[in-house]
Amino acid sequence: MKTTALLLALAVPGVVAATGAATVAPPKPVAAVAEAPTASAEIRVYYFHGATRCATCKTIEAYAHETVASAFAPELKAGSLEWTVVNVDEPANQHFTRDFQLYTRSVVVVDAKDPKRFKVLDRVWQLVGDKAAFQKYVEQEIRAFPRS
């Protein structure tokens, strides 16, 4: 049984690579443990993931990161908006699952000054197959999020 599991664990990445199933390379994580918002940040956009990551999870992260980096470049540069990638399986980050009522890997928009104000972007899972619709949704949700 252990041998079969080990063989599968070793074989699956090779199958994915051979079939080209995972075509989007995700950005490198910004932080393993989330840091406190900077004083100038108004909005923080999180991508929450676990230690085990499927191709769809990596695509959601890549699309969300690309959207934030391109649509909000001036805000990122000014520090009024921050992008943060967090592994919720790390002990120091497990509280985020409770704080934001997460039930799966998620993109969350948070008021950096009042973290009790947040919005989980649930539709990313429905839209991941349509990059343009995904990115439009993420951009619109961030722009519509009320600033404190």
Protein backbone atom coordinates (compact mmCIF):
# COMPACT_ATOMS: atom_id res chain seq x y z
CA MET A 1 0.00 0.00 0.00
CA LYS A 2 2.77 2.46 0.94
CA THR A 3 4.70 1.50 -2.19
CA THR A 4 1.65 2.15 -4.39
CA ALA A 5 1.08 5.55 -2.78
CA LEU A 6 4.74 6.46 -3.23
CA LEU A 7 4.70 5.41 -6.88
CA LEU A 8 1.56 7.46 -7.51
CA ALA A 9 3.08 10.49 -5.79
CA LEU A 10 6.13 10.21 -8.00
CA ALA A 11 4.20 9.46 -11.20
CA VAL A 12 1.50 12.16 -11.07
CA PRO A 13 3.83 15.14 -11.58
CA GLY A 14 5.33 13.34 -14.58
CA VAL A 15 1.87 12.77 -16.06
CA VAL A 16 0.96 16.41 -15.54
CA ALA A 17 4.22 17.51 -17.16
CA ALA A 18 3.79 15.10 -20.07
CA THR A 19 0.18 16.12 -20.75
CA GLY A 20 0.78 19.83 -20.29
CA ALA A 21 -2.13 20.02 -17.82
CA ALA A 22 -0.41 22.62 -15.66
CA THR A 23 0.46 25.38 -18.11
CA VAL A 24 0.50 28.39 -15.79
CA ALA A 25 3.51 28.89 -13.57
CA PRO A 26 2.43 30.55 -10.31
CA PRO A 27 4.36 33.45 -8.88
CA LYS A 28 6.65 32.73 -5.97
CA PRO A 29 4.99 33.24 -2.58
CA VAL A 30 5.42 36.69 -1.13
CA ALA A 31 5.48 35.47 2.47
CA ALA A 32 5.24 32.13 4.21
CA VAL A 33 3.80 33.87 7.26
CA ALA A 34 1.60 36.91 6.67
CA GLU A 35 3.02 40.14 7.93
CA ALA A 36 1.09 43.01 9.49
CA PRO A 37 -0.24 45.52 6.95
CA THR A 38 1.96 48.52 6.34
CA ALA A 39 0.74 51.84 7.70
CA SER A 40 -0.08 53.12 4.21
CA ALA A 41 -1.95 50.02 3.00
CA GLU A 42 -5.70 50.42 2.52
CA ILE A 43 -6.43 47.08 0.88
CA ARG A 44 -4.71 43.74 1.12
CA VAL A 45 -5.46 41.02 -1.44
CA TYR A 46 -4.62 37.56 -0.18
CA TYR A 47 -4.31 34.26 -1.97
CA PHE A 48 -4.67 31.47 0.60
CA HIS A 49 -3.36 28.01 -0.27
CA GLY A 50 -2.33 24.84 1.49
CA ALA A 51 0.80 22.74 1.39
CA THR A 52 -0.64 20.50 -1.33
CA ARG A 53 -1.49 22.46 -4.48
CA CYS A 54 -3.34 21.29 -7.58
CA ALA A 55 -2.99 22.80 -11.05
CA THR A 56 -6.26 24.73 -10.65
CA CYS A 57 -5.08 26.24 -7.35
CA LYS A 58 -1.86 27.36 -9.01
CA THR A 59 -3.80 28.84 -11.91
CA ILE A 60 -6.09 30.79 -9.58
CA GLU A 61 -3.04 32.21 -7.83
CA ALA A 62 -1.32 33.09 -11.11
CA TYR A 63 -4.41 34.77 -12.63
CA ALA A 64 -5.15 36.71 -9.43
CA HIS A 65 -1.53 37.82 -9.09
CA GLU A 66 -1.38 38.89 -12.73
CA THR A 67 -4.62 40.86 -12.32
CA VAL A 68 -3.42 42.66 -9.20
CA ALA A 69 0.01 43.38 -10.69
CA SER A 70 -1.36 44.78 -13.95
CA ALA A 71 -4.62 46.48 -12.95
CA PHE A 72 -3.32 47.92 -9.67
CA ALA A 73 0.34 48.67 -10.45
CA PRO A 74 0.18 52.29 -9.20
CA GLU A 75 -1.51 51.22 -5.94
CA LEU A 76 1.04 48.44 -5.40
CA LYS A 77 3.90 50.85 -6.01
CA ALA A 78 2.39 53.44 -3.65
CA GLY A 79 1.78 50.80 -1.00
CA SER A 80 -1.96 51.47 -0.74
CA LEU A 81 -2.68 47.94 -2.00
CA GLU A 82 -0.75 44.81 -1.09
CA TRP A 83 -0.68 41.30 -2.56
CA THR A 84 0.11 38.51 -0.12
CA VAL A 85 0.31 34.74 -0.62
CA VAL A 86 -0.25 32.68 2.52
CA ASN A 87 0.02 28.95 3.18
CA VAL A 88 -2.79 28.29 5.68
CA ASP A 89 -1.27 24.91 6.56
CA GLU A 90 1.60 26.69 8.32
CA PRO A 91 0.81 26.74 12.06
CA ALA A 92 1.21 30.53 12.33
CA ASN A 93 -1.32 31.04 9.50
CA GLN A 94 -4.05 28.60 10.47
CA HIS A 95 -6.06 31.39 12.11
CA PHE A 96 -6.84 32.83 8.67
CA THR A 97 -9.14 29.88 7.97
CA ARG A 98 -11.28 30.93 10.94
CA ASP A 99 -10.81 34.69 10.51
CA PHE A 100 -12.08 34.67 6.92
CA GLN A 101 -14.34 31.59 7.17
CA LEU A 102 -12.36 29.80 4.44
CA TYR A 103 -13.48 26.39 3.26
CA THR A 104 -11.18 26.09 0.25
CA ARG A 105 -8.22 27.83 -1.37
CA SER A 106 -9.32 31.42 -1.80
CA VAL A 107 -8.70 34.96 -2.97
CA VAL A 108 -9.78 37.41 -0.27
CA VAL A 109 -9.94 41.22 -0.31
CA VAL A 110 -9.38 42.69 3.15
CA ASP A 111 -9.52 46.16 4.65
CA ALA A 112 -5.92 46.48 5.87
CA LYS A 113 -6.91 48.78 8.71
CA ASP A 114 -9.98 46.78 9.79
CA PRO A 115 -9.43 43.07 8.92
CA LYS A 116 -12.96 42.23 10.08
CA ARG A 117 -14.08 43.85 6.81
CA PHE A 118 -13.33 41.41 4.01
CA LYS A 119 -14.78 39.70 0.97
CA VAL A 120 -14.00 36.16 -0.16
CA LEU A 121 -13.99 36.03 -3.96
CA ASP A 122 -15.81 32.70 -4.27
CA ARG A 123 -16.46 32.96 -8.01
CA VAL A 124 -12.77 32.46 -8.88
CA TRP A 125 -13.42 28.70 -8.88
CA GLN A 126 -16.28 29.09 -11.37
CA LEU A 127 -14.34 31.46 -13.62
CA VAL A 128 -10.89 29.84 -13.63
CA GLY A 129 -11.62 28.28 -17.05
CA ASP A 130 -12.12 31.75 -18.59
CA LYS A 131 -9.09 33.91 -17.85
CA ALA A 132 -10.62 37.16 -19.13
CA ALA A 133 -13.81 36.71 -17.07
CA PHE A 134 -11.75 35.68 -14.03
CA GLN A 135 -9.55 38.75 -14.25
CA LYS A 136 -12.49 41.09 -14.87
CA TYR A 137 -14.27 39.68 -11.81
CA VAL A 138 -11.21 40.02 -9.54
CA GLU A 139 -10.49 43.56 -10.72
CA GLN A 140 -14.13 44.65 -10.30
CA GLU A 141 -14.35 43.19 -6.81
CA ILE A 142 -11.17 44.91 -5.67
CA ARG A 143 -12.25 48.25 -7.16
CA ALA A 144 -15.72 47.95 -5.62
CA PHE A 145 -14.37 47.08 -2.17
CA PRO A 146 -15.08 50.07 0.07
CA ARG A 147 -12.03 51.85 1.48
CA SER A 148 -12.06 52.75 5.17
